[in-house]
Amino acid sequence: MSNLKLDKDEKDLLATYEADEFESILTPARRKQIREAATSTFKKDKRINIRISGRDLEAIQEEGSNLFTNYNSHFTH
């Protein structure tokens, strides 16, 4: 971690964490709220249809094969 350029506050925070003196103030209620927000962010509850040219689809498929991924994964995020 010595390659990082940290300001004084960041250095203090890192030192506290590394000394195992860091205490989280995250309450169970706030943790639940954050977890629910994260879950709903990635929920796939809508469907869309798009039309693109064959050339564009082939380019997307080519990119997917170059990345060793299924081209559909580009649309599922």
PDB file of N, CA and C in Angstrom:
ATOM      1  N   MET A   1       0.816  -1.201   0.000  1.00  0.00           N
ATOM      2  CA  MET A   1       0.000   0.000   0.000  1.00  0.00           C
ATOM      3  C   MET A   1       0.850   1.252   0.000  1.00  0.00           C
ATOM      4  N   SER A   2       2.124   1.125   0.065  1.00  0.00           N
ATOM      5  CA  SER A   2       2.996   2.298   0.130  1.00  0.00           C
ATOM      6  C   SER A   2       3.014   3.083  -1.176  1.00  0.00           C
ATOM      7  N   ASN A   3       2.486   2.512  -2.264  1.00  0.00           N
ATOM      8  CA  ASN A   3       2.447   3.209  -3.546  1.00  0.00           C
ATOM      9  C   ASN A   3       1.334   4.246  -3.605  1.00  0.00           C
ATOM     10  N   LEU A   4       0.388   4.168  -2.694  1.00  0.00           N
ATOM     11  CA  LEU A   4      -0.746   5.086  -2.707  1.00  0.00           C
ATOM     12  C   LEU A   4      -0.359   6.443  -2.137  1.00  0.00           C
ATOM     13  N   LYS A   5      -0.907   7.482  -2.749  1.00  0.00           N
ATOM     14  CA  LYS A   5      -0.708   8.828  -2.220  1.00  0.00           C
ATOM     15  C   LYS A   5      -1.937   9.181  -1.396  1.00  0.00           C
ATOM     16  N   LEU A   6      -1.779   9.167  -0.107  1.00  0.00           N
ATOM     17  CA  LEU A   6      -2.888   9.423   0.808  1.00  0.00           C
ATOM     18  C   LEU A   6      -2.690  10.748   1.516  1.00  0.00           C
ATOM     19  N   ASP A   7      -3.825  11.432   1.752  1.00  0.00           N
ATOM     20  CA  ASP A   7      -3.726  12.666   2.536  1.00  0.00           C
ATOM     21  C   ASP A   7      -3.691  12.290   4.029  1.00  0.00           C
ATOM     22  N   LYS A   8      -3.567  13.281   4.885  1.00  0.00           N
ATOM     23  CA  LYS A   8      -3.417  13.021   6.322  1.00  0.00           C
ATOM     24  C   LYS A   8      -4.599  12.246   6.888  1.00  0.00           C
ATOM     25  N   ASP A   9      -5.821  12.651   6.532  1.00  0.00           N
ATOM     26  CA  ASP A   9      -7.005  11.964   7.048  1.00  0.00           C
ATOM     27  C   ASP A   9      -7.035  10.503   6.598  1.00  0.00           C
ATOM     28  N   GLU A  10      -6.684  10.251   5.342  1.00  0.00           N
ATOM     29  CA  GLU A  10      -6.682   8.884   4.831  1.00  0.00           C
ATOM     30  C   GLU A  10      -5.606   8.047   5.529  1.00  0.00           C
ATOM     31  N   LYS A  11      -4.455   8.649   5.769  1.00  0.00           N
ATOM     32  CA  LYS A  11      -3.382   7.945   6.483  1.00  0.00           C
ATOM     33  C   LYS A  11      -3.815   7.597   7.904  1.00  0.00           C
ATOM     34  N   ASP A  12      -4.482   8.536   8.571  1.00  0.00           N
ATOM     35  CA  ASP A  12      -4.976   8.284   9.929  1.00  0.00           C
ATOM     36  C   ASP A  12      -5.997   7.154   9.942  1.00  0.00           C
ATOM     37  N   LEU A  13      -6.905   7.181   8.992  1.00  0.00           N
ATOM     38  CA  LEU A  13      -7.927   6.146   8.897  1.00  0.00           C
ATOM     39  C   LEU A  13      -7.292   4.787   8.629  1.00  0.00           C
ATOM     40  N   LEU A  14      -6.340   4.743   7.708  1.00  0.00           N
ATOM     41  CA  LEU A  14      -5.658   3.493   7.395  1.00  0.00           C
ATOM     42  C   LEU A  14      -4.884   2.968   8.604  1.00  0.00           C
ATOM     43  N   ALA A  15      -4.203   3.845   9.307  1.00  0.00           N
ATOM     44  CA  ALA A  15      -3.447   3.429  10.491  1.00  0.00           C
ATOM     45  C   ALA A  15      -4.379   2.866  11.557  1.00  0.00           C
ATOM     46  N   THR A  16      -5.507   3.513  11.750  1.00  0.00           N
ATOM     47  CA  THR A  16      -6.496   3.035  12.723  1.00  0.00           C
ATOM     48  C   THR A  16      -7.013   1.661  12.333  1.00  0.00           C
ATOM     49  N   TYR A  17      -7.314   1.488  11.047  1.00  0.00           N
ATOM     50  CA  TYR A  17      -7.818   0.204  10.563  1.00  0.00           C
ATOM     51  C   TYR A  17      -6.767  -0.890  10.722  1.00  0.00           C
ATOM     52  N   GLU A  18      -5.543  -0.595  10.309  1.00  0.00           N
ATOM     53  CA  GLU A  18      -4.479  -1.591  10.386  1.00  0.00           C
ATOM     54  C   GLU A  18      -4.123  -1.955  11.826  1.00  0.00           C
ATOM     55  N   ALA A  19      -4.328  -1.039  12.768  1.00  0.00           N
ATOM     56  CA  ALA A  19      -4.073  -1.311  14.185  1.00  0.00           C
ATOM     57  C   ALA A  19      -5.258  -2.027  14.844  1.00  0.00           C
ATOM     58  N   ASP A  20      -6.264  -2.351  14.021  1.00  0.00           N
ATOM     59  CA  ASP A  20      -7.472  -3.032  14.493  1.00  0.00           C
ATOM     60  C   ASP A  20      -8.213  -2.211  15.541  1.00  0.00           C
ATOM     61  N   GLU A  21      -8.173  -0.898  15.368  1.00  0.00           N
ATOM     62  CA  GLU A  21      -8.867   0.008  16.285  1.00  0.00           C
ATOM     63  C   GLU A  21     -10.104   0.635  15.634  1.00  0.00           C
ATOM     64  N   PHE A  22     -10.374   0.242  14.410  1.00  0.00           N
ATOM     65  CA  PHE A  22     -11.496   0.810  13.671  1.00  0.00           C
ATOM     66  C   PHE A  22     -12.793   0.202  14.178  1.00  0.00           C
ATOM     67  N   GLU A  23     -13.758   1.050  14.511  1.00  0.00           N
ATOM     68  CA  GLU A  23     -15.058   0.581  14.963  1.00  0.00           C
ATOM     69  C   GLU A  23     -16.135   1.118  14.042  1.00  0.00           C
ATOM     70  N   SER A  24     -16.914   0.223  13.505  1.00  0.00           N
ATOM     71  CA  SER A  24     -17.999   0.613  12.611  1.00  0.00           C
ATOM     72  C   SER A  24     -19.147   1.220  13.410  1.00  0.00           C
ATOM     73  N   ILE A  25     -19.762   2.240  12.858  1.00  0.00           N
ATOM     74  CA  ILE A  25     -20.938   2.842  13.494  1.00  0.00           C
ATOM     75  C   ILE A  25     -22.209   2.456  12.725  1.00  0.00           C
ATOM     76  N   LEU A  26     -22.067   1.453  11.864  1.00  0.00           N
ATOM     77  CA  LEU A  26     -23.195   0.989  11.074  1.00  0.00           C
ATOM     78  C   LEU A  26     -24.173   0.236  11.969  1.00  0.00           C
ATOM     79  N   THR A  27     -25.389   0.750  12.038  1.00  0.00           N
ATOM     80  CA  THR A  27     -26.410   0.111  12.867  1.00  0.00           C
ATOM     81  C   THR A  27     -27.073  -1.018  12.083  1.00  0.00           C
ATOM     82  N   PRO A  28     -27.670  -1.970  12.777  1.00  0.00           N
ATOM     83  CA  PRO A  28     -28.381  -3.044  12.068  1.00  0.00           C
ATOM     84  C   PRO A  28     -29.480  -2.508  11.149  1.00  0.00           C
ATOM     85  N   ALA A  29     -30.167  -1.454  11.561  1.00  0.00           N
ATOM     86  CA  ALA A  29     -31.225  -0.879  10.725  1.00  0.00           C
ATOM     87  C   ALA A  29     -30.639  -0.283   9.441  1.00  0.00           C
ATOM     88  N   ARG A  30     -29.511   0.419   9.573  1.00  0.00           N
ATOM     89  CA  ARG A  30     -28.868   1.014   8.391  1.00  0.00           C
ATOM     90  C   ARG A  30     -28.311  -0.079   7.487  1.00  0.00           C
ATOM     91  N   ARG A  31     -27.750  -1.130   8.069  1.00  0.00           N
ATOM     92  CA  ARG A  31     -27.238  -2.258   7.287  1.00  0.00           C
ATOM     93  C   ARG A  31     -28.374  -2.887   6.466  1.00  0.00           C
ATOM     94  N   LYS A  32     -29.545  -3.052   7.097  1.00  0.00           N
ATOM     95  CA  LYS A  32     -30.694  -3.622   6.408  1.00  0.00           C
ATOM     96  C   LYS A  32     -31.132  -2.710   5.265  1.00  0.00           C
ATOM     97  N   GLN A  33     -31.148  -1.409   5.514  1.00  0.00           N
ATOM     98  CA  GLN A  33     -31.531  -0.441   4.492  1.00  0.00           C
ATOM     99  C   GLN A  33     -30.572  -0.506   3.292  1.00  0.00           C
ATOM    100  N   ILE A  34     -29.293  -0.571   3.557  1.00  0.00           N
ATOM    101  CA  ILE A  34     -28.297  -0.646   2.488  1.00  0.00           C
ATOM    102  C   ILE A  34     -28.442  -1.951   1.714  1.00  0.00           C
ATOM    103  N   ARG A  35     -28.640  -3.053   2.419  1.00  0.00           N
ATOM    104  CA  ARG A  35     -28.804  -4.358   1.768  1.00  0.00           C
ATOM    105  C   ARG A  35     -30.037  -4.362   0.854  1.00  0.00           C
ATOM    106  N   GLU A  36     -31.146  -3.799   1.322  1.00  0.00           N
ATOM    107  CA  GLU A  36     -32.364  -3.750   0.515  1.00  0.00           C
ATOM    108  C   GLU A  36     -32.175  -2.868  -0.715  1.00  0.00           C
ATOM    109  N   ALA A  37     -31.474  -1.757  -0.560  1.00  0.00           N
ATOM    110  CA  ALA A  37     -31.207  -0.883  -1.703  1.00  0.00           C
ATOM    111  C   ALA A  37     -30.343  -1.595  -2.733  1.00  0.00           C
ATOM    112  N   ALA A  38     -29.339  -2.317  -2.276  1.00  0.00           N
ATOM    113  CA  ALA A  38     -28.464  -3.045  -3.195  1.00  0.00           C
ATOM    114  C   ALA A  38     -29.233  -4.146  -3.915  1.00  0.00           C
ATOM    115  N   THR A  39     -30.078  -4.848  -3.191  1.00  0.00           N
ATOM    116  CA  THR A  39     -30.867  -5.919  -3.791  1.00  0.00           C
ATOM    117  C   THR A  39     -31.806  -5.374  -4.860  1.00  0.00           C
ATOM    118  N   SER A  40     -32.479  -4.281  -4.569  1.00  0.00           N
ATOM    119  CA  SER A  40     -33.422  -3.725  -5.547  1.00  0.00           C
ATOM    120  C   SER A  40     -32.711  -3.110  -6.741  1.00  0.00           C
ATOM    121  N   THR A  41     -31.453  -2.694  -6.554  1.00  0.00           N
ATOM    122  CA  THR A  41     -30.693  -2.130  -7.662  1.00  0.00           C
ATOM    123  C   THR A  41     -30.473  -3.164  -8.752  1.00  0.00           C
ATOM    124  N   PHE A  42     -30.242  -4.406  -8.362  1.00  0.00           N
ATOM    125  CA  PHE A  42     -29.933  -5.449  -9.332  1.00  0.00           C
ATOM    126  C   PHE A  42     -31.126  -6.317  -9.693  1.00  0.00           C
ATOM    127  N   LYS A  43     -32.302  -5.965  -9.212  1.00  0.00           N
ATOM    128  CA  LYS A  43     -33.499  -6.726  -9.520  1.00  0.00           C
ATOM    129  C   LYS A  43     -33.866  -6.524 -10.990  1.00  0.00           C
ATOM    130  N   LYS A  44     -34.099  -7.614 -11.659  1.00  0.00           N
ATOM    131  CA  LYS A  44     -34.467  -7.554 -13.074  1.00  0.00           C
ATOM    132  C   LYS A  44     -35.976  -7.772 -13.175  1.00  0.00           C
ATOM    133  N   ASP A  45     -36.729  -6.696 -13.073  1.00  0.00           N
ATOM    134  CA  ASP A  45     -38.174  -6.822 -13.080  1.00  0.00           C
ATOM    135  C   ASP A  45     -38.826  -6.144 -14.281  1.00  0.00           C
ATOM    136  N   LYS A  46     -38.032  -5.695 -15.229  1.00  0.00           N
ATOM    137  CA  LYS A  46     -38.563  -5.051 -16.429  1.00  0.00           C
ATOM    138  C   LYS A  46     -37.971  -5.709 -17.655  1.00  0.00           C
ATOM    139  N   ARG A  47     -38.732  -5.685 -18.734  1.00  0.00           N
ATOM    140  CA  ARG A  47     -38.283  -6.228 -20.014  1.00  0.00           C
ATOM    141  C   ARG A  47     -38.364  -5.146 -21.063  1.00  0.00           C
ATOM    142  N   ILE A  48     -37.385  -5.129 -21.947  1.00  0.00           N
ATOM    143  CA  ILE A  48     -37.436  -4.196 -23.064  1.00  0.00           C
ATOM    144  C   ILE A  48     -37.089  -4.939 -24.343  1.00  0.00           C
ATOM    145  N   ASN A  49     -37.557  -4.419 -25.438  1.00  0.00           N
ATOM    146  CA  ASN A  49     -37.197  -4.924 -26.756  1.00  0.00           C
ATOM    147  C   ASN A  49     -36.558  -3.776 -27.516  1.00  0.00           C
ATOM    148  N   ILE A  50     -35.468  -4.060 -28.178  1.00  0.00           N
ATOM    149  CA  ILE A  50     -34.829  -3.034 -28.992  1.00  0.00           C
ATOM    150  C   ILE A  50     -34.583  -3.588 -30.387  1.00  0.00           C
ATOM    151  N   ARG A  51     -34.505  -2.690 -31.324  1.00  0.00           N
ATOM    152  CA  ARG A  51     -34.166  -3.082 -32.691  1.00  0.00           C
ATOM    153  C   ARG A  51     -32.838  -2.433 -33.027  1.00  0.00           C
ATOM    154  N   ILE A  52     -31.919  -3.257 -33.511  1.00  0.00           N
ATOM    155  CA  ILE A  52     -30.637  -2.741 -33.962  1.00  0.00           C
ATOM    156  C   ILE A  52     -30.314  -3.359 -35.301  1.00  0.00           C
ATOM    157  N   SER A  53     -29.413  -2.738 -36.006  1.00  0.00           N
ATOM    158  CA  SER A  53     -29.056  -3.265 -37.317  1.00  0.00           C
ATOM    159  C   SER A  53     -28.286  -4.574 -37.157  1.00  0.00           C
ATOM    160  N   GLY A  54     -28.336  -5.379 -38.212  1.00  0.00           N
ATOM    161  CA  GLY A  54     -27.598  -6.636 -38.202  1.00  0.00           C
ATOM    162  C   GLY A  54     -26.109  -6.408 -38.011  1.00  0.00           C
ATOM    163  N   ARG A  55     -25.600  -5.343 -38.612  1.00  0.00           N
ATOM    164  CA  ARG A  55     -24.176  -5.030 -38.490  1.00  0.00           C
ATOM    165  C   ARG A  55     -23.808  -4.738 -37.033  1.00  0.00           C
ATOM    166  N   ASP A  56     -24.664  -3.968 -36.351  1.00  0.00           N
ATOM    167  CA  ASP A  56     -24.399  -3.661 -34.941  1.00  0.00           C
ATOM    168  C   ASP A  56     -24.458  -4.927 -34.083  1.00  0.00           C
ATOM    169  N   LEU A  57     -25.429  -5.794 -34.343  1.00  0.00           N
ATOM    170  CA  LEU A  57     -25.538  -7.040 -33.591  1.00  0.00           C
ATOM    171  C   LEU A  57     -24.304  -7.902 -33.813  1.00  0.00           C
ATOM    172  N   GLU A  58     -23.846  -7.994 -35.053  1.00  0.00           N
ATOM    173  CA  GLU A  58     -22.641  -8.784 -35.339  1.00  0.00           C
ATOM    174  C   GLU A  58     -21.423  -8.207 -34.621  1.00  0.00           C
ATOM    175  N   ALA A  59     -21.343  -6.890 -34.548  1.00  0.00           N
ATOM    176  CA  ALA A  59     -20.221  -6.254 -33.845  1.00  0.00           C
ATOM    177  C   ALA A  59     -20.274  -6.591 -32.351  1.00  0.00           C
ATOM    178  N   ILE A  60     -21.467  -6.580 -31.779  1.00  0.00           N
ATOM    179  CA  ILE A  60     -21.623  -6.917 -30.358  1.00  0.00           C
ATOM    180  C   ILE A  60     -21.276  -8.380 -30.126  1.00  0.00           C
ATOM    181  N   GLN A  61     -21.728  -9.256 -31.025  1.00  0.00           N
ATOM    182  CA  GLN A  61     -21.411 -10.671 -30.892  1.00  0.00           C
ATOM    183  C   GLN A  61     -19.908 -10.907 -31.017  1.00  0.00           C
ATOM    184  N   GLU A  62     -19.278 -10.210 -31.955  1.00  0.00           N
ATOM    185  CA  GLU A  62     -17.830 -10.325 -32.138  1.00  0.00           C
ATOM    186  C   GLU A  62     -17.092  -9.877 -30.880  1.00  0.00           C
ATOM    187  N   GLU A  63     -17.521  -8.756 -30.306  1.00  0.00           N
ATOM    188  CA  GLU A  63     -16.886  -8.266 -29.082  1.00  0.00           C
ATOM    189  C   GLU A  63     -17.038  -9.289 -27.959  1.00  0.00           C
ATOM    190  N   GLY A  64     -18.216  -9.885 -27.850  1.00  0.00           N
ATOM    191  CA  GLY A  64     -18.448 -10.894 -26.826  1.00  0.00           C
ATOM    192  C   GLY A  64     -17.546 -12.103 -27.017  1.00  0.00           C
ATOM    193  N   SER A  65     -17.362 -12.528 -28.260  1.00  0.00           N
ATOM    194  CA  SER A  65     -16.503 -13.691 -28.486  1.00  0.00           C
ATOM    195  C   SER A  65     -15.046 -13.343 -28.209  1.00  0.00           C
ATOM    196  N   ASN A  66     -14.649 -12.094 -28.461  1.00  0.00           N
ATOM    197  CA  ASN A  66     -13.282 -11.675 -28.157  1.00  0.00           C
ATOM    198  C   ASN A  66     -13.036 -11.631 -26.657  1.00  0.00           C
ATOM    199  N   LEU A  67     -14.076 -11.344 -25.898  1.00  0.00           N
ATOM    200  CA  LEU A  67     -13.961 -11.266 -24.443  1.00  0.00           C
ATOM    201  C   LEU A  67     -14.313 -12.586 -23.764  1.00  0.00           C
ATOM    202  N   PHE A  68     -14.625 -13.609 -24.587  1.00  0.00           N
ATOM    203  CA  PHE A  68     -15.017 -14.922 -24.078  1.00  0.00           C
ATOM    204  C   PHE A  68     -16.266 -14.831 -23.215  1.00  0.00           C
ATOM    205  N   THR A  69     -17.179 -13.951 -23.605  1.00  0.00           N
ATOM    206  CA  THR A  69     -18.449 -13.841 -22.898  1.00  0.00           C
ATOM    207  C   THR A  69     -19.583 -13.988 -23.892  1.00  0.00           C
ATOM    208  N   ASN A  70     -20.735 -14.295 -23.384  1.00  0.00           N
ATOM    209  CA  ASN A  70     -21.926 -14.344 -24.214  1.00  0.00           C
ATOM    210  C   ASN A  70     -22.353 -12.904 -24.495  1.00  0.00           C
ATOM    211  N   TYR A  71     -22.644 -12.597 -25.741  1.00  0.00           N
ATOM    212  CA  TYR A  71     -23.000 -11.214 -26.059  1.00  0.00           C
ATOM    213  C   TYR A  71     -24.240 -10.757 -25.313  1.00  0.00           C
ATOM    214  N   ASN A  72     -25.108 -11.680 -24.920  1.00  0.00           N
ATOM    215  CA  ASN A  72     -26.303 -11.286 -24.170  1.00  0.00           C
ATOM    216  C   ASN A  72     -25.951 -10.673 -22.819  1.00  0.00           C
ATOM    217  N   SER A  73     -24.807 -11.037 -22.270  1.00  0.00           N
ATOM    218  CA  SER A  73     -24.429 -10.512 -20.964  1.00  0.00           C
ATOM    219  C   SER A  73     -24.196  -9.010 -21.014  1.00  0.00           C
ATOM    220  N   HIS A  74     -23.944  -8.463 -22.182  1.00  0.00           N
ATOM    221  CA  HIS A  74     -23.769  -7.013 -22.301  1.00  0.00           C
ATOM    222  C   HIS A  74     -25.082  -6.286 -22.059  1.00  0.00           C
ATOM    223  N   PHE A  75     -26.183  -6.996 -22.195  1.00  0.00           N
ATOM    224  CA  PHE A  75     -27.491  -6.359 -22.053  1.00  0.00           C
ATOM    225  C   PHE A  75     -28.169  -6.688 -20.731  1.00  0.00           C
ATOM    226  N   THR A  76     -27.589  -7.540 -19.933  1.00  0.00           N
ATOM    227  CA  THR A  76     -28.259  -7.975 -18.719  1.00  0.00           C
ATOM    228  C   THR A  76     -27.800  -7.228 -17.486  1.00  0.00           C
ATOM    229  N   HIS A  77     -26.974  -6.223 -17.644  1.00  0.00           N
ATOM    230  CA  HIS A  77     -26.474  -5.493 -16.471  1.00  0.00           C
ATOM    231  C   HIS A  77     -27.256  -4.252 -16.217  1.00  0.00           C
TER     232      HIS A  77
END
